[in-house]
Amino acid sequence: MDEVKVSQAEINEFATTIGAERLAQVQEAARGMKTYLDGNSVWHVNATETGGGVAEMLVALIPLWRDLNVDARWLVLHGEPDFFAITKRIHNMIHGSAGDGAGLTDADREVYDRVTASNVADLRSTIASPRPMWPTCATGYVPVTSSCCTIRRRPG
């Protein structure tokens, strides 16, 4: 996986747009998030750093979170063209679209599992921490068909 480098931004530049009260609320929420994270980072993982809604949001939001002293980072998956075609197909199916109509085969599952396992190993080495960490996605496990993951300490 590769970490995406993002520019800097200043949340205070939004004060005239959102108003002082809303800005204060955003800053307070960020302080709460920093406390909740307790020294941990938020890692976003997706398939590409350009194009698509997730990439467009992250390139804008991560610099703002960092300006708010929340350690947010962004990793892009490694994979072969077949893997990305499969994840796009899964994405479309989740959203009720037939997409390319190809469905999913056992061979697709093999490609998906192999590439995902490689990315998971890379993710674990990237977020190495002296404290135990556990990836949590909307699906409840690491195989990344969702657009991003938040890494947090495992409860208990």
Protein backbone atom coordinates (compact mmCIF):
# COMPACT_ATOMS: atom_id res chain seq x y z
CA MET A 1 0.00 0.00 0.00
CA ASP A 2 1.07 3.53 -0.62
CA GLU A 3 0.33 6.46 1.66
CA VAL A 4 -1.19 9.39 -0.19
CA LYS A 5 0.46 12.73 0.45
CA VAL A 6 -2.04 15.54 0.85
CA SER A 7 -1.67 19.30 0.98
CA GLN A 8 -2.18 21.45 4.04
CA ALA A 9 -5.38 23.32 4.83
CA GLU A 10 -6.65 25.59 7.55
CA ILE A 11 -10.06 25.03 9.07
CA ASN A 12 -10.21 28.71 10.07
CA GLU A 13 -10.54 29.61 6.39
CA PHE A 14 -14.11 28.28 6.63
CA ALA A 15 -15.11 30.66 9.44
CA THR A 16 -16.69 33.18 7.09
CA THR A 17 -18.64 30.41 5.35
CA ILE A 18 -19.88 28.39 8.32
CA GLY A 19 -19.79 31.05 11.03
CA ALA A 20 -17.92 31.25 14.31
CA GLU A 21 -20.41 29.12 16.25
CA ARG A 22 -20.31 26.21 13.78
CA LEU A 23 -16.51 26.45 13.59
CA ALA A 24 -16.33 26.21 17.39
CA GLN A 25 -18.56 23.11 17.25
CA VAL A 26 -16.28 21.50 14.66
CA GLN A 27 -13.23 22.29 16.79
CA GLU A 28 -14.90 20.86 19.89
CA ALA A 29 -15.86 17.68 18.02
CA ALA A 30 -12.26 17.32 16.82
CA ARG A 31 -10.99 17.64 20.41
CA GLY A 32 -13.39 14.87 21.42
CA MET A 33 -12.22 12.70 18.56
CA LYS A 34 -8.58 13.24 19.50
CA THR A 35 -9.37 12.25 23.08
CA TYR A 36 -11.27 9.16 21.87
CA LEU A 37 -8.38 8.13 19.61
CA ASP A 38 -5.97 8.40 22.57
CA GLY A 39 -2.85 8.70 20.42
CA ASN A 40 -4.09 6.42 17.64
CA SER A 41 -4.58 7.41 14.01
CA VAL A 42 -7.49 7.22 11.62
CA TRP A 43 -6.43 5.32 8.50
CA HIS A 44 -8.54 5.54 5.36
CA VAL A 45 -8.01 2.78 2.81
CA ASN A 46 -9.35 2.84 -0.71
CA ALA A 47 -8.55 1.80 -4.26
CA THR A 48 -7.36 5.05 -5.81
CA GLU A 49 -6.08 8.49 -4.94
CA THR A 50 -7.75 10.14 -7.93
CA GLY A 51 -11.24 9.95 -9.36
CA GLY A 52 -14.31 8.77 -7.55
CA GLY A 53 -16.15 10.28 -4.63
CA VAL A 54 -14.01 8.84 -1.86
CA ALA A 55 -10.76 10.20 -3.29
CA GLU A 56 -12.35 13.60 -3.84
CA MET A 57 -13.55 13.72 -0.23
CA LEU A 58 -10.33 12.47 1.35
CA VAL A 59 -8.05 14.87 -0.52
CA ALA A 60 -10.11 17.71 0.96
CA LEU A 61 -10.94 16.34 4.42
CA ILE A 62 -7.65 14.82 5.60
CA PRO A 63 -5.83 18.17 5.55
CA LEU A 64 -8.64 19.68 7.61
CA TRP A 65 -8.56 16.87 10.18
CA ARG A 66 -4.81 17.29 10.45
CA ASP A 67 -5.24 21.03 10.98
CA LEU A 68 -7.61 20.07 13.82
CA ASN A 69 -4.81 17.90 15.32
CA VAL A 70 -6.48 14.61 14.39
CA ASP A 71 -3.93 12.23 12.89
CA ALA A 72 -5.73 11.13 9.73
CA ARG A 73 -3.94 9.19 7.01
CA TRP A 74 -4.79 7.63 3.67
CA LEU A 75 -3.55 4.44 2.04
CA VAL A 76 -4.19 3.19 -1.48
CA LEU A 77 -4.44 -0.52 -2.18
CA HIS A 78 -2.03 -2.38 -4.43
CA GLY A 79 -3.64 -4.70 -6.91
CA GLU A 80 -3.91 -5.95 -10.43
CA PRO A 81 -6.54 -4.80 -12.94
CA ASP A 82 -8.66 -7.95 -12.34
CA PHE A 83 -8.81 -7.16 -8.62
CA PHE A 84 -10.05 -3.62 -9.20
CA ALA A 85 -12.63 -4.86 -11.73
CA ILE A 86 -13.90 -7.30 -9.10
CA THR A 87 -14.08 -4.65 -6.34
CA LYS A 88 -15.95 -2.34 -8.73
CA ARG A 89 -18.36 -5.17 -9.50
CA ILE A 90 -18.91 -5.80 -5.76
CA HIS A 91 -19.42 -2.07 -5.20
CA ASN A 92 -22.05 -1.94 -7.93
CA MET A 93 -23.80 -5.04 -6.58
CA ILE A 94 -23.92 -3.58 -3.06
CA HIS A 95 -25.67 -0.55 -4.54
CA GLY A 96 -28.18 -2.64 -6.51
CA SER A 97 -26.62 -2.22 -9.94
CA ALA A 98 -25.75 -5.06 -12.28
CA GLY A 99 -22.63 -3.11 -13.32
CA ASP A 100 -20.90 -5.09 -16.05
CA GLY A 101 -23.31 -8.00 -15.40
CA ALA A 102 -20.48 -10.51 -15.06
CA GLY A 103 -21.35 -11.71 -11.57
CA LEU A 104 -18.70 -13.26 -9.33
CA THR A 105 -16.92 -16.53 -10.04
CA ASP A 106 -14.70 -18.81 -7.97
CA ALA A 107 -11.75 -17.43 -9.95
CA ASP A 108 -12.79 -13.90 -8.96
CA ARG A 109 -12.87 -14.99 -5.33
CA GLU A 110 -9.34 -16.39 -5.62
CA VAL A 111 -8.02 -13.11 -7.08
CA TYR A 112 -9.91 -11.06 -4.48
CA ASP A 113 -8.70 -13.19 -1.55
CA ARG A 114 -5.06 -13.25 -2.73
CA VAL A 115 -4.79 -9.52 -3.35
CA THR A 116 -6.72 -8.67 -0.19
CA ALA A 117 -4.45 -10.90 1.92
CA SER A 118 -1.40 -9.15 0.51
CA ASN A 119 -2.88 -5.72 1.27
CA VAL A 120 -3.88 -6.79 4.80
CA ALA A 121 -0.30 -7.90 5.48
CA ASP A 122 0.93 -4.57 4.14
CA LEU A 123 -1.62 -2.70 6.26
CA ARG A 124 -0.52 -4.54 9.41
CA SER A 125 3.12 -3.64 8.80
CA THR A 126 2.22 -0.02 7.99
CA ILE A 127 0.26 0.57 11.18
CA ALA A 128 2.64 -1.29 13.46
CA SER A 129 2.11 0.01 16.95
CA PRO A 130 3.33 -0.88 20.43
CA ARG A 131 -0.34 -1.07 21.41
CA PRO A 132 -2.65 -3.70 19.90
CA MET A 133 -4.67 -2.36 17.00
CA TRP A 134 -7.58 -3.97 15.22
CA PRO A 135 -9.03 -2.92 11.87
CA THR A 136 -12.77 -2.35 11.79
CA CYS A 137 -14.78 -1.76 8.62
CA ALA A 138 -18.46 -1.37 7.98
CA THR A 139 -18.46 -5.08 7.18
CA GLY A 140 -16.71 -5.90 10.45
CA TYR A 141 -13.57 -7.38 8.90
CA VAL A 142 -10.57 -6.23 6.90
CA PRO A 143 -11.38 -7.27 3.29
CA VAL A 144 -11.91 -3.82 1.94
CA THR A 145 -14.95 -3.48 -0.25
CA SER A 146 -16.06 -0.45 1.71
CA SER A 147 -14.45 2.84 0.82
CA CYS A 148 -12.50 3.35 4.01
CA CYS A 149 -11.61 1.87 7.35
CA THR A 150 -10.99 3.34 10.76
CA ILE A 151 -8.24 1.71 12.76
CA ARG A 152 -8.79 1.66 16.49
CA ARG A 153 -7.72 -0.34 19.49
CA ARG A 154 -9.52 -3.61 19.98
CA PRO A 155 -11.92 -3.41 22.93
CA GLY A 156 -10.87 -5.17 26.08
